[in-house]
């Protein structure tokens, strides 16, 4: 036999924050939704934030190249470091970003 039930295990976990782009082709958004629901049913403290229009790489590649503020990246940084939003400078012209988005395998 084990010690305690599932609640004993989930009680020792920190809060879970799932951050996912709705257009992610690498890991479909349904996985994030399903995982959040499973965690919730198991008794975990879980929050699921979905970002409309974002892919797997949008907050890490395309939007930083565009410059400005990326809400998904800002949420991720806040969870990791508690940092305020970061505004980035544009790195490359928009046509190059659009081309990179088309050929990106993620």
N, C-alpha and C. Protein backbone atom coordinates (compact mmCIF):
# COMPACT_ATOMS: atom_id res chain seq x y z
N UNK A 1 0.80 -1.19 0.00
CA UNK A 1 0.00 0.00 0.00
C UNK A 1 0.84 1.24 0.00
N UNK A 2 0.23 2.32 -0.41
CA UNK A 2 0.91 3.61 -0.43
C UNK A 2 0.58 4.42 0.80
N UNK A 3 1.20 5.52 0.92
CA UNK A 3 0.96 6.44 2.04
C UNK A 3 -0.01 7.51 1.60
N UNK A 4 -1.18 7.57 2.20
CA UNK A 4 -2.15 8.61 1.86
C UNK A 4 -2.72 8.40 0.47
N UNK A 5 -3.63 9.25 0.08
CA UNK A 5 -4.25 9.18 -1.24
C UNK A 5 -3.62 10.18 -2.17
N UNK A 6 -4.27 10.40 -3.32
CA UNK A 6 -3.73 11.36 -4.30
C UNK A 6 -3.58 12.77 -3.73
N UNK A 7 -4.46 13.14 -2.80
CA UNK A 7 -4.38 14.48 -2.21
C UNK A 7 -3.07 14.72 -1.48
N UNK A 8 -2.50 13.66 -0.89
CA UNK A 8 -1.22 13.81 -0.19
C UNK A 8 -0.12 14.21 -1.16
N UNK A 9 -0.19 13.68 -2.36
CA UNK A 9 0.82 14.00 -3.39
C UNK A 9 0.61 15.41 -3.93
N UNK A 10 -0.63 15.73 -4.31
CA UNK A 10 -0.88 17.04 -4.91
C UNK A 10 -0.72 18.17 -3.91
N UNK A 11 -0.91 17.90 -2.63
CA UNK A 11 -0.76 18.95 -1.61
C UNK A 11 0.68 19.44 -1.52
N UNK A 12 1.63 18.59 -1.93
CA UNK A 12 3.03 18.98 -1.85
C UNK A 12 3.52 19.71 -3.09
N UNK A 13 2.66 19.82 -4.12
CA UNK A 13 3.05 20.50 -5.35
C UNK A 13 2.86 22.02 -5.24
N UNK A 14 3.73 22.77 -5.90
CA UNK A 14 3.50 24.22 -5.96
C UNK A 14 2.35 24.51 -6.92
N UNK A 15 1.83 25.73 -6.94
CA UNK A 15 0.80 26.06 -7.94
C UNK A 15 1.34 25.81 -9.35
N UNK A 16 0.47 25.35 -10.23
CA UNK A 16 0.84 25.05 -11.61
C UNK A 16 0.22 26.11 -12.51
N UNK A 17 1.05 26.72 -13.36
CA UNK A 17 0.58 27.74 -14.29
C UNK A 17 0.91 27.28 -15.70
N UNK A 18 -0.12 26.94 -16.47
CA UNK A 18 0.06 26.47 -17.84
C UNK A 18 -0.17 27.66 -18.78
N UNK A 19 0.84 27.94 -19.61
CA UNK A 19 0.81 29.05 -20.55
C UNK A 19 0.97 28.44 -21.94
N UNK A 20 -0.01 28.69 -22.84
CA UNK A 20 0.02 27.99 -24.13
C UNK A 20 -0.59 28.85 -25.24
N UNK A 21 0.04 28.84 -26.40
CA UNK A 21 -0.49 29.53 -27.57
C UNK A 21 -1.56 28.68 -28.25
N UNK A 22 -2.67 29.29 -28.62
CA UNK A 22 -3.78 28.55 -29.23
C UNK A 22 -3.47 28.01 -30.63
N UNK A 23 -2.48 28.59 -31.32
CA UNK A 23 -2.14 28.12 -32.67
C UNK A 23 -0.89 27.25 -32.69
N UNK A 24 -0.50 26.73 -31.54
CA UNK A 24 0.68 25.86 -31.44
C UNK A 24 0.46 24.61 -32.27
N UNK A 25 1.34 24.36 -33.26
CA UNK A 25 1.25 23.16 -34.09
C UNK A 25 2.12 22.04 -33.55
N UNK A 26 3.03 22.35 -32.63
CA UNK A 26 3.92 21.34 -32.06
C UNK A 26 3.21 20.57 -30.96
N UNK A 27 2.61 21.28 -30.05
CA UNK A 27 1.84 20.69 -28.96
C UNK A 27 0.45 21.33 -29.02
N UNK A 28 -0.53 20.59 -29.53
CA UNK A 28 -1.87 21.16 -29.68
C UNK A 28 -2.42 21.71 -28.36
N UNK A 29 -3.14 22.81 -28.46
CA UNK A 29 -3.68 23.49 -27.29
C UNK A 29 -4.57 22.57 -26.45
N UNK A 30 -5.17 21.57 -27.08
CA UNK A 30 -6.03 20.64 -26.34
C UNK A 30 -5.25 19.92 -25.24
N UNK A 31 -3.95 19.67 -25.48
CA UNK A 31 -3.12 19.01 -24.47
C UNK A 31 -3.01 19.88 -23.22
N UNK A 32 -2.83 21.18 -23.41
CA UNK A 32 -2.74 22.09 -22.26
C UNK A 32 -4.07 22.13 -21.51
N UNK A 33 -5.17 22.19 -22.26
CA UNK A 33 -6.49 22.23 -21.62
C UNK A 33 -6.74 20.94 -20.85
N UNK A 34 -6.45 19.80 -21.48
CA UNK A 34 -6.68 18.50 -20.84
C UNK A 34 -5.80 18.34 -19.60
N UNK A 35 -4.53 18.72 -19.71
CA UNK A 35 -3.62 18.61 -18.58
C UNK A 35 -4.09 19.47 -17.41
N UNK A 36 -4.53 20.67 -17.72
CA UNK A 36 -5.06 21.56 -16.68
C UNK A 36 -6.26 20.94 -15.98
N UNK A 37 -7.15 20.33 -16.75
CA UNK A 37 -8.34 19.71 -16.17
C UNK A 37 -7.97 18.50 -15.31
N UNK A 38 -7.03 17.69 -15.76
CA UNK A 38 -6.58 16.53 -14.98
C UNK A 38 -5.96 17.01 -13.66
N UNK A 39 -5.14 18.03 -13.74
CA UNK A 39 -4.52 18.59 -12.53
C UNK A 39 -5.59 19.11 -11.57
N UNK A 40 -6.57 19.81 -12.12
CA UNK A 40 -7.65 20.37 -11.30
C UNK A 40 -8.42 19.26 -10.59
N UNK A 41 -8.76 18.20 -11.33
CA UNK A 41 -9.51 17.07 -10.74
C UNK A 41 -8.69 16.34 -9.68
N UNK A 42 -7.37 16.37 -9.83
CA UNK A 42 -6.50 15.71 -8.85
C UNK A 42 -6.32 16.57 -7.60
N UNK A 43 -6.82 17.80 -7.64
CA UNK A 43 -6.73 18.67 -6.47
C UNK A 43 -5.60 19.67 -6.51
N UNK A 44 -4.97 19.82 -7.67
CA UNK A 44 -3.87 20.78 -7.79
C UNK A 44 -4.41 22.20 -7.93
N UNK A 45 -3.60 23.14 -7.49
CA UNK A 45 -3.86 24.56 -7.70
C UNK A 45 -3.31 24.87 -9.09
N UNK A 46 -4.19 24.99 -10.09
CA UNK A 46 -3.73 25.15 -11.47
C UNK A 46 -4.44 26.33 -12.14
N UNK A 47 -3.66 27.04 -12.96
CA UNK A 47 -4.18 28.14 -13.75
C UNK A 47 -3.77 27.88 -15.20
N UNK A 48 -4.71 28.01 -16.14
CA UNK A 48 -4.41 27.81 -17.55
C UNK A 48 -4.66 29.13 -18.28
N UNK A 49 -3.63 29.67 -18.92
CA UNK A 49 -3.75 30.88 -19.73
C UNK A 49 -3.45 30.51 -21.17
N UNK A 50 -4.43 30.76 -22.06
CA UNK A 50 -4.28 30.47 -23.48
C UNK A 50 -4.16 31.80 -24.23
N UNK A 51 -3.27 31.82 -25.22
CA UNK A 51 -3.00 33.05 -25.95
C UNK A 51 -3.41 32.91 -27.40
N UNK A 52 -4.46 33.65 -27.78
CA UNK A 52 -5.01 33.63 -29.12
C UNK A 52 -3.98 34.14 -30.12
N UNK A 53 -3.80 33.40 -31.20
CA UNK A 53 -2.90 33.82 -32.27
C UNK A 53 -1.45 33.44 -32.06
N UNK A 54 -1.09 32.86 -30.92
CA UNK A 54 0.31 32.49 -30.68
C UNK A 54 0.57 31.03 -31.01
N UNK A 55 1.76 30.78 -31.57
CA UNK A 55 2.21 29.44 -31.91
C UNK A 55 3.20 28.98 -30.84
N UNK A 56 3.92 27.90 -31.13
CA UNK A 56 4.92 27.38 -30.20
C UNK A 56 6.10 28.34 -30.06
N UNK A 57 6.40 29.06 -31.13
CA UNK A 57 7.59 29.92 -31.13
C UNK A 57 7.29 31.42 -31.11
N UNK A 58 6.05 31.81 -31.23
CA UNK A 58 5.70 33.24 -31.29
C UNK A 58 6.33 34.06 -30.16
N UNK A 59 6.18 33.64 -28.89
CA UNK A 59 6.70 34.49 -27.82
C UNK A 59 8.23 34.47 -27.70
N UNK A 60 8.87 33.45 -28.28
CA UNK A 60 10.32 33.32 -28.12
C UNK A 60 11.10 33.74 -29.35
N UNK A 61 10.46 33.73 -30.52
CA UNK A 61 11.18 34.06 -31.75
C UNK A 61 10.53 35.23 -32.50
N UNK A 62 9.32 35.00 -33.01
CA UNK A 62 8.72 36.00 -33.89
C UNK A 62 8.45 37.34 -33.19
N UNK A 63 7.76 37.31 -32.06
CA UNK A 63 7.41 38.58 -31.41
C UNK A 63 8.62 39.33 -30.87
N UNK A 64 9.63 38.67 -30.28
CA UNK A 64 10.82 39.44 -29.90
C UNK A 64 11.51 40.10 -31.10
N UNK A 65 11.46 39.44 -32.27
CA UNK A 65 12.05 40.05 -33.46
C UNK A 65 11.25 41.28 -33.89
N UNK A 66 9.91 41.25 -33.65
CA UNK A 66 9.05 42.39 -34.00
C UNK A 66 9.28 43.57 -33.06
N UNK A 67 9.69 43.28 -31.86
CA UNK A 67 9.85 44.33 -30.86
C UNK A 67 8.53 44.58 -30.15
N UNK A 68 8.54 45.48 -29.21
CA UNK A 68 7.33 45.78 -28.45
C UNK A 68 7.16 44.83 -27.29
N UNK A 69 5.93 44.66 -26.83
CA UNK A 69 5.63 43.81 -25.69
C UNK A 69 4.89 42.56 -26.15
N UNK A 70 5.30 41.41 -25.69
CA UNK A 70 4.63 40.15 -25.99
C UNK A 70 3.95 39.66 -24.71
N UNK A 71 2.63 39.52 -24.74
CA UNK A 71 1.89 39.18 -23.53
C UNK A 71 2.21 37.78 -23.02
N UNK A 72 2.40 36.80 -23.93
CA UNK A 72 2.73 35.45 -23.48
C UNK A 72 4.11 35.42 -22.85
N UNK A 73 5.09 36.04 -23.48
CA UNK A 73 6.43 36.11 -22.91
C UNK A 73 6.41 36.87 -21.58
N UNK A 74 5.64 37.94 -21.51
CA UNK A 74 5.52 38.70 -20.27
C UNK A 74 4.95 37.84 -19.15
N UNK A 75 3.94 37.03 -19.45
CA UNK A 75 3.36 36.13 -18.45
C UNK A 75 4.38 35.10 -18.00
N UNK A 76 5.14 34.56 -18.95
CA UNK A 76 6.15 33.56 -18.62
C UNK A 76 7.23 34.17 -17.72
N UNK A 77 7.71 35.35 -18.06
CA UNK A 77 8.73 36.00 -17.24
C UNK A 77 8.21 36.33 -15.85
N UNK A 78 6.94 36.71 -15.77
CA UNK A 78 6.35 37.02 -14.47
C UNK A 78 6.31 35.78 -13.58
N UNK A 79 5.95 34.62 -14.16
CA UNK A 79 5.91 33.37 -13.40
C UNK A 79 7.32 32.99 -12.94
N UNK A 80 8.29 33.13 -13.85
CA UNK A 80 9.65 32.70 -13.55
C UNK A 80 10.37 33.66 -12.60
N UNK A 81 10.28 34.94 -12.88
CA UNK A 81 11.10 35.90 -12.15
C UNK A 81 10.33 37.03 -11.49
N UNK A 82 9.02 37.12 -11.72
CA UNK A 82 8.25 38.21 -11.13
C UNK A 82 8.58 39.56 -11.74
N UNK A 83 9.21 39.53 -12.92
CA UNK A 83 9.64 40.77 -13.56
C UNK A 83 8.48 41.51 -14.19
N UNK A 84 8.58 42.84 -14.29
CA UNK A 84 7.57 43.62 -15.00
C UNK A 84 7.69 43.37 -16.50
N UNK A 85 6.69 43.78 -17.28
CA UNK A 85 6.75 43.59 -18.73
C UNK A 85 8.01 44.19 -19.34
N UNK A 86 8.50 43.52 -20.34
CA UNK A 86 9.71 43.96 -21.04
C UNK A 86 9.32 44.41 -22.44
N UNK A 87 9.78 45.60 -22.84
CA UNK A 87 9.55 46.07 -24.20
C UNK A 87 10.84 45.89 -24.97
N UNK A 88 10.75 45.17 -26.08
CA UNK A 88 11.91 44.87 -26.89
C UNK A 88 11.98 45.76 -28.12
N UNK A 89 13.18 45.96 -28.63
CA UNK A 89 13.38 46.71 -29.86
C UNK A 89 13.26 45.76 -31.04
N UNK A 90 12.70 46.25 -32.16
CA UNK A 90 12.58 45.43 -33.38
C UNK A 90 13.96 44.99 -33.84
N UNK A 91 14.07 43.70 -34.24
CA UNK A 91 15.35 43.16 -34.70
C UNK A 91 15.45 43.06 -36.22
N UNK A 92 14.34 42.69 -36.88
CA UNK A 92 14.37 42.48 -38.33
C UNK A 92 13.07 42.98 -38.96
N UNK A 93 13.07 43.21 -40.27
CA UNK A 93 11.84 43.66 -40.95
C UNK A 93 10.74 42.59 -40.92
N UNK A 94 9.50 43.03 -40.95
CA UNK A 94 8.33 42.15 -40.89
C UNK A 94 8.32 41.06 -41.96
N UNK A 95 8.68 41.35 -43.23
CA UNK A 95 8.66 40.28 -44.24
C UNK A 95 9.56 39.09 -43.87
N UNK A 96 10.69 39.35 -43.24
CA UNK A 96 11.57 38.25 -42.82
C UNK A 96 10.94 37.44 -41.70
N UNK A 97 10.25 38.11 -40.78
CA UNK A 97 9.57 37.42 -39.69
C UNK A 97 8.46 36.54 -40.25
N UNK A 98 7.70 37.07 -41.20
CA UNK A 98 6.61 36.31 -41.81
C UNK A 98 7.15 35.08 -42.55
N UNK A 99 8.27 35.23 -43.23
CA UNK A 99 8.89 34.10 -43.92
C UNK A 99 9.35 33.05 -42.90
N UNK A 100 9.97 33.49 -41.83
CA UNK A 100 10.43 32.56 -40.79
C UNK A 100 9.25 31.80 -40.20
N UNK A 101 8.13 32.48 -40.01
CA UNK A 101 6.93 31.84 -39.46
C UNK A 101 6.43 30.75 -40.40
N UNK A 102 6.49 31.00 -41.71
CA UNK A 102 6.02 30.02 -42.70
C UNK A 102 6.87 28.76 -42.72
N UNK A 103 8.17 28.90 -42.57
CA UNK A 103 9.08 27.75 -42.69
C UNK A 103 9.41 27.10 -41.35
N UNK A 104 9.00 27.70 -40.26
CA UNK A 104 9.31 27.15 -38.94
C UNK A 104 8.60 25.81 -38.74
N UNK A 105 9.32 24.76 -38.40
CA UNK A 105 8.68 23.45 -38.22
C UNK A 105 7.90 23.32 -36.92
N UNK A 106 7.95 24.31 -36.07
CA UNK A 106 7.25 24.25 -34.79
C UNK A 106 5.97 25.03 -34.84
